[in-house]
Amino acid sequence: MAFDPRNLGVLAYAAGFSLWQYRSTSDDASSVAAPGHFDPVAAMLRPDDLVLVSAPDRGLILRILSVSGGSVTTAELAAGPPPEPPLPPPDTLLDESGAPILTEAGEALRLE
C-alpha cells in the first residue's frame, strides 16, 4: 500500500527538530521502514527527525538519515528484542521462577 500523508503528524517541534507520528493501517513495519516510503513528504522532513511508527504488526522508531532530491533515507532505532540477561553462575541458588536468590546486600546466594 502507498504512503498516506493524512496519517503523518507532528507531535513536537523545537530548534529545527521534529518528532513525528505515522500510523499505517495496512503496511507492516518493514514496508514503512523500507527506502522510499516517506518520499512523498520529503520536503517536510529533515535529517535527524524521528518518526514514531504504529503499524499493524508492531511499532518502531525511525530516524531520518538523509533527505536528498526527494528521496528519504531512514534507519530503525529500536530493533529487535532486548538482549538476554547473563546467566547466573552454576552454584547460585535459584527460586522457583529461576531468578537468583539475593542477600540483603544484593548478592546472589551460592552453594557452599
Foldseek 3Di string as FASTA:
>chain_A
DAADVVQKDFPDDDDHETEIEGEDEPDAPVVCQDWPRCLVVLVVDAAQHKYWYHYPVHIWIWGFHHRDPSTTHIDTDDDDDDDDDDQDPPQFDADPVRHFDADPVGHGDGDD
